């Protein structure tokens, strides 16, 4: 991510029509949110659920504190992302229970979360999605169906590279009917999807950098 600085956000042309957002996977204080809001980042996105593979998945303990801090800073527009526990070496809770815990947390705390984003990616912490391409497709279908069953508005967060790595091909289609938020760290604040994948030919959002002076945020643009 580019550092926060004076005139850090100067939106021009088509970019001015986009909604700019910060997302975080750790607790962020009110002052940091207030600075980001003042610089034009009007949506705050939180990790609502983490794979926490030793526990089979859990509601992120920083979700509610960060939400309250963002509210106190003046934010009114919120999303959350759902990073489910998967992987052959992990004793993960059933997917319906995982997403159910997140939805219960949102409703129980009266959190105004606009949309839940299903995070489909790998990492070296819990080694998720290690069932082989066909097994990964089967597991992803189960996750997506569990989320659909909640009736909560949702989309998919991933990248062309992650999609191909996990499912064996960019052509695999699993949820092309829902919005796509994709990652491409090029510091270009547009929604152009140069590499169509998963059945998507356009994106609703892009995560364009993972660097910020606060070390707390990734930076994003959304269509609305």
C-alpha atoms as a PDB file:
ATOM      1  CA  UNK A   1       0.000   0.000   0.000  1.00  0.00           C
ATOM      2  CA  UNK A   2       1.049   3.566  -0.541  1.00  0.00           C
ATOM      3  CA  UNK A   3       1.699   5.437   2.727  1.00  0.00           C
ATOM      4  CA  UNK A   4      -0.928   7.673   4.268  1.00  0.00           C
ATOM      5  CA  UNK A   5       0.226  11.234   3.705  1.00  0.00           C
ATOM      6  CA  UNK A   6      -1.117  14.674   3.011  1.00  0.00           C
ATOM      7  CA  UNK A   7      -3.188  14.548  -0.130  1.00  0.00           C
ATOM      8  CA  UNK A   8      -2.736  10.778  -0.073  1.00  0.00           C
ATOM      9  CA  UNK A   9      -6.027  10.348  -1.834  1.00  0.00           C
ATOM     10  CA  UNK A  10      -6.519  12.509  -4.899  1.00  0.00           C
ATOM     11  CA  UNK A  11      -9.216  10.818  -6.923  1.00  0.00           C
ATOM     12  CA  UNK A  12      -9.675  11.911 -10.507  1.00  0.00           C
ATOM     13  CA  UNK A  13     -11.653  10.935 -13.569  1.00  0.00           C
ATOM     14  CA  UNK A  14     -13.490   7.640 -13.304  1.00  0.00           C
ATOM     15  CA  UNK A  15     -11.811   6.873  -9.991  1.00  0.00           C
ATOM     16  CA  UNK A  16     -13.839   9.666  -8.390  1.00  0.00           C
ATOM     17  CA  UNK A  17     -17.019   7.651  -8.989  1.00  0.00           C
ATOM     18  CA  UNK A  18     -15.687   4.686  -7.060  1.00  0.00           C
ATOM     19  CA  UNK A  19     -16.122   3.931  -3.373  1.00  0.00           C
ATOM     20  CA  UNK A  20     -12.766   3.703  -1.606  1.00  0.00           C
ATOM     21  CA  UNK A  21     -12.410   1.252   1.263  1.00  0.00           C
ATOM     22  CA  UNK A  22      -9.977   0.021   3.871  1.00  0.00           C
ATOM     23  CA  UNK A  23      -9.904  -3.577   5.050  1.00  0.00           C
ATOM     24  CA  UNK A  24      -8.154  -5.025   8.060  1.00  0.00           C
ATOM     25  CA  UNK A  25      -7.422  -8.372   9.701  1.00  0.00           C
ATOM     26  CA  UNK A  26      -6.436  -6.945  13.079  1.00  0.00           C
ATOM     27  CA  UNK A  27      -7.847  -4.457  15.552  1.00  0.00           C
ATOM     28  CA  UNK A  28      -7.650  -0.860  14.356  1.00  0.00           C
ATOM     29  CA  UNK A  29      -8.044   2.097  16.682  1.00  0.00           C
ATOM     30  CA  UNK A  30     -10.460   4.984  16.264  1.00  0.00           C
ATOM     31  CA  UNK A  31      -7.790   7.547  15.407  1.00  0.00           C
ATOM     32  CA  UNK A  32      -6.503   5.441  12.515  1.00  0.00           C
ATOM     33  CA  UNK A  33      -9.999   4.978  11.140  1.00  0.00           C
ATOM     34  CA  UNK A  34     -10.706   8.688  11.514  1.00  0.00           C
ATOM     35  CA  UNK A  35      -7.609   9.545   9.487  1.00  0.00           C
ATOM     36  CA  UNK A  36      -8.549   7.077   6.747  1.00  0.00           C
ATOM     37  CA  UNK A  37     -12.107   8.416   6.603  1.00  0.00           C
ATOM     38  CA  UNK A  38     -10.788  11.960   6.281  1.00  0.00           C
ATOM     39  CA  UNK A  39      -8.698  10.840   3.317  1.00  0.00           C
ATOM     40  CA  UNK A  40     -11.720   9.552   1.447  1.00  0.00           C
ATOM     41  CA  UNK A  41     -11.893   5.889   2.427  1.00  0.00           C
ATOM     42  CA  UNK A  42     -15.584   5.708   3.241  1.00  0.00           C
ATOM     43  CA  UNK A  43     -16.107   1.957   3.686  1.00  0.00           C
ATOM     44  CA  UNK A  44     -14.533  -0.164   6.427  1.00  0.00           C
ATOM     45  CA  UNK A  45     -14.158  -3.915   5.967  1.00  0.00           C
ATOM     46  CA  UNK A  46     -13.297  -6.300   8.790  1.00  0.00           C
ATOM     47  CA  UNK A  47     -12.217  -9.909   9.052  1.00  0.00           C
ATOM     48  CA  UNK A  48     -15.364 -11.240  10.626  1.00  0.00           C
ATOM     49  CA  UNK A  49     -14.313 -14.881  10.752  1.00  0.00           C
ATOM     50  CA  UNK A  50     -10.876 -16.465  10.746  1.00  0.00           C
ATOM     51  CA  UNK A  51      -9.809 -19.975   9.905  1.00  0.00           C
ATOM     52  CA  UNK A  52      -8.255 -20.402  13.388  1.00  0.00           C
ATOM     53  CA  UNK A  53      -7.518 -24.018  12.462  1.00  0.00           C
ATOM     54  CA  UNK A  54      -6.656 -25.124  15.991  1.00  0.00           C
ATOM     55  CA  UNK A  55     -10.233 -24.205  16.945  1.00  0.00           C
ATOM     56  CA  UNK A  56     -11.972 -25.261  13.761  1.00  0.00           C
ATOM     57  CA  UNK A  57     -12.745 -21.647  12.877  1.00  0.00           C
ATOM     58  CA  UNK A  58     -13.953 -18.755  15.020  1.00  0.00           C
ATOM     59  CA  UNK A  59     -15.445 -15.280  14.908  1.00  0.00           C
ATOM     60  CA  UNK A  60     -12.450 -12.960  14.809  1.00  0.00           C
ATOM     61  CA  UNK A  61     -12.059 -11.455  18.307  1.00  0.00           C
ATOM     62  CA  UNK A  62     -11.031  -8.137  16.724  1.00  0.00           C
ATOM     63  CA  UNK A  63     -14.217  -7.925  14.616  1.00  0.00           C
ATOM     64  CA  UNK A  64     -16.495  -6.188  17.111  1.00  0.00           C
ATOM     65  CA  UNK A  65     -13.843  -3.897  18.657  1.00  0.00           C
ATOM     66  CA  UNK A  66     -12.740  -2.686  15.202  1.00  0.00           C
ATOM     67  CA  UNK A  67     -16.354  -2.190  14.145  1.00  0.00           C
ATOM     68  CA  UNK A  68     -17.047  -0.063  17.219  1.00  0.00           C
ATOM     69  CA  UNK A  69     -13.858   1.938  16.638  1.00  0.00           C
ATOM     70  CA  UNK A  70     -14.804   2.583  13.013  1.00  0.00           C
ATOM     71  CA  UNK A  71     -18.284   3.664  14.101  1.00  0.00           C
ATOM     72  CA  UNK A  72     -16.784   6.030  16.640  1.00  0.00           C
ATOM     73  CA  UNK A  73     -14.588   7.482  13.886  1.00  0.00           C
ATOM     74  CA  UNK A  74     -17.675   8.283  11.820  1.00  0.00           C
ATOM     75  CA  UNK A  75     -17.945   5.300   9.483  1.00  0.00           C
ATOM     76  CA  UNK A  76     -21.433   4.238   8.392  1.00  0.00           C
ATOM     77  CA  UNK A  77     -20.610   1.772   5.575  1.00  0.00           C
ATOM     78  CA  UNK A  78     -19.311  -1.681   6.551  1.00  0.00           C
ATOM     79  CA  UNK A  79     -18.529  -5.083   5.039  1.00  0.00           C
ATOM     80  CA  UNK A  80     -16.991  -8.201   6.604  1.00  0.00           C
ATOM     81  CA  UNK A  81     -15.114 -11.145   5.188  1.00  0.00           C
ATOM     82  CA  UNK A  82     -15.432 -14.800   6.052  1.00  0.00           C
ATOM     83  CA  UNK A  83     -12.207 -16.855   5.980  1.00  0.00           C
ATOM     84  CA  UNK A  84     -13.445 -20.380   6.709  1.00  0.00           C
ATOM     85  CA  UNK A  85     -11.441 -23.183   8.240  1.00  0.00           C
ATOM     86  CA  UNK A  86     -10.609 -25.840   5.638  1.00  0.00           C
ATOM     87  CA  UNK A  87      -7.821 -28.374   5.081  1.00  0.00           C
ATOM     88  CA  UNK A  88      -7.226 -32.068   5.612  1.00  0.00           C
ATOM     89  CA  UNK A  89      -5.007 -31.505   8.639  1.00  0.00           C
ATOM     90  CA  UNK A  90      -7.550 -29.403  10.508  1.00  0.00           C
ATOM     91  CA  UNK A  91     -10.583 -30.384  12.576  1.00  0.00           C
ATOM     92  CA  UNK A  92     -12.827 -27.735  11.093  1.00  0.00           C
ATOM     93  CA  UNK A  93     -16.376 -27.089  12.191  1.00  0.00           C
ATOM     94  CA  UNK A  94     -19.056 -27.803   9.576  1.00  0.00           C
ATOM     95  CA  UNK A  95     -19.326 -24.915   7.157  1.00  0.00           C
ATOM     96  CA  UNK A  96     -22.903 -24.140   8.118  1.00  0.00           C
ATOM     97  CA  UNK A  97     -21.785 -23.780  11.732  1.00  0.00           C
ATOM     98  CA  UNK A  98     -18.865 -21.525  10.780  1.00  0.00           C
ATOM     99  CA  UNK A  99     -20.938 -19.112   8.719  1.00  0.00           C
ATOM    100  CA  UNK A 100     -23.729 -19.393  11.276  1.00  0.00           C
ATOM    101  CA  UNK A 101     -21.396 -18.184  14.010  1.00  0.00           C
ATOM    102  CA  UNK A 102     -20.484 -15.158  11.931  1.00  0.00           C
ATOM    103  CA  UNK A 103     -24.074 -14.278  11.062  1.00  0.00           C
ATOM    104  CA  UNK A 104     -25.093 -14.741  14.704  1.00  0.00           C
ATOM    105  CA  UNK A 105     -22.328 -12.358  15.778  1.00  0.00           C
ATOM    106  CA  UNK A 106     -23.468  -9.766  13.247  1.00  0.00           C
ATOM    107  CA  UNK A 107     -27.117 -10.001  14.229  1.00  0.00           C
ATOM    108  CA  UNK A 108     -26.498 -10.407  17.957  1.00  0.00           C
ATOM    109  CA  UNK A 109     -24.384  -7.262  18.070  1.00  0.00           C
ATOM    110  CA  UNK A 110     -26.696  -5.363  15.689  1.00  0.00           C
ATOM    111  CA  UNK A 111     -23.817  -4.725  13.293  1.00  0.00           C
ATOM    112  CA  UNK A 112     -24.766  -2.964  10.062  1.00  0.00           C
ATOM    113  CA  UNK A 113     -22.765  -5.221   7.748  1.00  0.00           C
ATOM    114  CA  UNK A 114     -23.728  -4.604   4.128  1.00  0.00           C
ATOM    115  CA  UNK A 115     -22.171  -7.738   2.633  1.00  0.00           C
ATOM    116  CA  UNK A 116     -20.150 -10.801   3.651  1.00  0.00           C
ATOM    117  CA  UNK A 117     -17.233 -11.691   1.384  1.00  0.00           C
ATOM    118  CA  UNK A 118     -16.189 -15.344   1.235  1.00  0.00           C
ATOM    119  CA  UNK A 119     -12.382 -15.403   1.274  1.00  0.00           C
ATOM    120  CA  UNK A 120     -11.015 -18.093  -1.039  1.00  0.00           C
ATOM    121  CA  UNK A 121      -7.239 -18.261  -0.784  1.00  0.00           C
ATOM    122  CA  UNK A 122      -4.406 -20.370   0.577  1.00  0.00           C
ATOM    123  CA  UNK A 123      -1.857 -19.603   3.264  1.00  0.00           C
ATOM    124  CA  UNK A 124       1.028 -21.262   5.090  1.00  0.00           C
ATOM    125  CA  UNK A 125      -0.556 -21.008   8.540  1.00  0.00           C
ATOM    126  CA  UNK A 126      -3.330 -23.607   8.273  1.00  0.00           C
ATOM    127  CA  UNK A 127      -2.691 -25.048   4.797  1.00  0.00           C
ATOM    128  CA  UNK A 128      -6.307 -24.643   3.672  1.00  0.00           C
ATOM    129  CA  UNK A 129      -7.747 -26.017   0.429  1.00  0.00           C
ATOM    130  CA  UNK A 130      -5.289 -28.894   0.201  1.00  0.00           C
ATOM    131  CA  UNK A 131      -7.740 -31.531  -1.078  1.00  0.00           C
ATOM    132  CA  UNK A 132      -6.497 -31.442  -4.672  1.00  0.00           C
ATOM    133  CA  UNK A 133      -8.260 -29.506  -7.412  1.00  0.00           C
ATOM    134  CA  UNK A 134     -11.424 -31.623  -7.559  1.00  0.00           C
ATOM    135  CA  UNK A 135     -11.610 -31.916  -3.782  1.00  0.00           C
ATOM    136  CA  UNK A 136     -11.152 -28.165  -3.441  1.00  0.00           C
ATOM    137  CA  UNK A 137     -13.992 -27.572  -5.880  1.00  0.00           C
ATOM    138  CA  UNK A 138     -16.225 -29.865  -3.836  1.00  0.00           C
ATOM    139  CA  UNK A 139     -15.337 -28.100  -0.571  1.00  0.00           C
ATOM    140  CA  UNK A 140     -15.811 -24.648  -2.070  1.00  0.00           C
ATOM    141  CA  UNK A 141     -19.250 -25.638  -3.327  1.00  0.00           C
ATOM    142  CA  UNK A 142     -20.179 -26.685   0.208  1.00  0.00           C
ATOM    143  CA  UNK A 143     -18.920 -23.388   1.639  1.00  0.00           C
ATOM    144  CA  UNK A 144     -20.769 -21.317  -0.949  1.00  0.00           C
ATOM    145  CA  UNK A 145     -23.982 -23.256  -0.427  1.00  0.00           C
ATOM    146  CA  UNK A 146     -23.729 -22.814   3.342  1.00  0.00           C
ATOM    147  CA  UNK A 147     -23.393 -19.059   2.837  1.00  0.00           C
ATOM    148  CA  UNK A 148     -26.270 -18.974   0.342  1.00  0.00           C
ATOM    149  CA  UNK A 149     -28.446 -20.744   2.870  1.00  0.00           C
ATOM    150  CA  UNK A 150     -28.065 -17.861   5.327  1.00  0.00           C
ATOM    151  CA  UNK A 151     -29.793 -15.558   2.802  1.00  0.00           C
ATOM    152  CA  UNK A 152     -27.196 -12.923   3.670  1.00  0.00           C
ATOM    153  CA  UNK A 153     -25.880 -10.817   0.792  1.00  0.00           C
ATOM    154  CA  UNK A 154     -22.456 -12.170  -0.140  1.00  0.00           C
ATOM    155  CA  UNK A 155     -19.665 -12.059  -2.681  1.00  0.00           C
ATOM    156  CA  UNK A 156     -16.337 -13.788  -3.340  1.00  0.00           C
ATOM    157  CA  UNK A 157     -12.881 -12.430  -2.470  1.00  0.00           C
ATOM    158  CA  UNK A 158      -9.974 -14.066  -4.296  1.00  0.00           C
ATOM    159  CA  UNK A 159      -7.520 -13.491  -7.168  1.00  0.00           C
ATOM    160  CA  UNK A 160      -7.004 -15.105 -10.581  1.00  0.00           C
ATOM    161  CA  UNK A 161      -3.797 -16.738  -9.338  1.00  0.00           C
ATOM    162  CA  UNK A 162      -5.356 -18.096  -6.152  1.00  0.00           C
ATOM    163  CA  UNK A 163      -8.362 -19.391  -8.094  1.00  0.00           C
ATOM    164  CA  UNK A 164      -6.197 -21.285 -10.564  1.00  0.00           C
ATOM    165  CA  UNK A 165      -3.893 -22.611  -7.832  1.00  0.00           C
ATOM    166  CA  UNK A 166      -6.783 -23.899  -5.714  1.00  0.00           C
ATOM    167  CA  UNK A 167      -9.116 -25.207  -8.408  1.00  0.00           C
ATOM    168  CA  UNK A 168      -6.680 -26.159 -11.160  1.00  0.00           C
ATOM    169  CA  UNK A 169      -8.036 -23.751 -13.780  1.00  0.00           C
ATOM    170  CA  UNK A 170      -9.172 -20.153 -14.104  1.00  0.00           C
ATOM    171  CA  UNK A 171     -12.174 -21.521 -15.997  1.00  0.00           C
ATOM    172  CA  UNK A 172     -13.772 -23.222 -12.984  1.00  0.00           C
ATOM    173  CA  UNK A 173     -17.115 -21.553 -12.234  1.00  0.00           C
ATOM    174  CA  UNK A 174     -18.558 -21.715  -8.731  1.00  0.00           C
ATOM    175  CA  UNK A 175     -20.397 -18.472  -7.971  1.00  0.00           C
ATOM    176  CA  UNK A 176     -20.305 -16.198 -10.999  1.00  0.00           C
ATOM    177  CA  UNK A 177     -23.761 -14.869 -10.088  1.00  0.00           C
ATOM    178  CA  UNK A 178     -22.424 -13.001  -7.019  1.00  0.00           C
ATOM    179  CA  UNK A 179     -20.071  -9.979  -6.870  1.00  0.00           C
ATOM    180  CA  UNK A 180     -16.318 -10.433  -7.202  1.00  0.00           C
ATOM    181  CA  UNK A 181     -13.720  -8.629  -5.095  1.00  0.00           C
ATOM    182  CA  UNK A 182     -10.292  -9.469  -6.478  1.00  0.00           C
ATOM    183  CA  UNK A 183      -6.754  -8.753  -5.346  1.00  0.00           C
ATOM    184  CA  UNK A 184      -4.118  -7.298  -7.649  1.00  0.00           C
ATOM    185  CA  UNK A 185      -1.426  -5.245  -5.945  1.00  0.00           C
ATOM    186  CA  UNK A 186      -0.541  -2.806  -8.713  1.00  0.00           C
ATOM    187  CA  UNK A 187      -1.596   0.503  -7.128  1.00  0.00           C
ATOM    188  CA  UNK A 188      -4.057   1.041  -9.974  1.00  0.00           C
ATOM    189  CA  UNK A 189      -7.420   2.226  -8.680  1.00  0.00           C
ATOM    190  CA  UNK A 190      -9.707   0.779 -11.345  1.00  0.00           C
ATOM    191  CA  UNK A 191     -11.988  -2.261 -11.554  1.00  0.00           C
ATOM    192  CA  UNK A 192     -10.609  -3.524 -14.853  1.00  0.00           C
ATOM    193  CA  UNK A 193     -10.421  -7.323 -14.768  1.00  0.00           C
ATOM    194  CA  UNK A 194      -7.647  -7.988 -17.255  1.00  0.00           C
ATOM    195  CA  UNK A 195      -7.722 -11.712 -16.521  1.00  0.00           C
ATOM    196  CA  UNK A 196     -11.326 -12.967 -16.479  1.00  0.00           C
ATOM    197  CA  UNK A 197     -11.759 -16.085 -14.352  1.00  0.00           C
ATOM    198  CA  UNK A 198     -14.357 -18.102 -12.515  1.00  0.00           C
ATOM    199  CA  UNK A 199     -17.006 -17.001 -14.994  1.00  0.00           C
ATOM    200  CA  UNK A 200     -16.616 -13.338 -14.024  1.00  0.00           C
ATOM    201  CA  UNK A 201     -15.918 -10.815 -16.779  1.00  0.00           C
ATOM    202  CA  UNK A 202     -16.161  -7.780 -14.532  1.00  0.00           C
ATOM    203  CA  UNK A 203     -15.495  -7.091 -10.874  1.00  0.00           C
ATOM    204  CA  UNK A 204     -17.377  -5.247  -8.159  1.00  0.00           C
ATOM    205  CA  UNK A 205     -14.219  -4.436  -6.196  1.00  0.00           C
ATOM    206  CA  UNK A 206     -10.444  -4.525  -6.324  1.00  0.00           C
ATOM    207  CA  UNK A 207      -7.848  -4.669  -3.566  1.00  0.00           C
ATOM    208  CA  UNK A 208      -5.077  -2.657  -5.172  1.00  0.00           C
ATOM    209  CA  UNK A 209      -2.389  -2.573  -2.478  1.00  0.00           C
ATOM    210  CA  UNK A 210      -1.547  -4.202   0.837  1.00  0.00           C
ATOM    211  CA  UNK A 211       0.722  -1.454   2.157  1.00  0.00           C
ATOM    212  CA  UNK A 212      -0.135   1.505   4.396  1.00  0.00           C
ATOM    213  CA  UNK A 213       1.820   3.661   6.792  1.00  0.00           C
ATOM    214  CA  UNK A 214      -0.316   2.403   9.655  1.00  0.00           C
ATOM    215  CA  UNK A 215       0.450  -1.216   8.686  1.00  0.00           C
ATOM    216  CA  UNK A 216      -3.214  -1.887   9.449  1.00  0.00           C
ATOM    217  CA  UNK A 217      -4.975  -1.669   6.096  1.00  0.00           C
ATOM    218  CA  UNK A 218      -5.259  -3.003   2.602  1.00  0.00           C
ATOM    219  CA  UNK A 219      -6.723  -0.424   0.203  1.00  0.00           C
ATOM    220  CA  UNK A 220      -9.582  -1.026  -2.202  1.00  0.00           C
ATOM    221  CA  UNK A 221     -11.966   0.448  -4.740  1.00  0.00           C
ATOM    222  CA  UNK A 222     -15.607  -0.628  -5.138  1.00  0.00           C
ATOM    223  CA  UNK A 223     -18.142   0.073  -7.856  1.00  0.00           C
ATOM    224  CA  UNK A 224     -20.553   1.433  -5.251  1.00  0.00           C
END
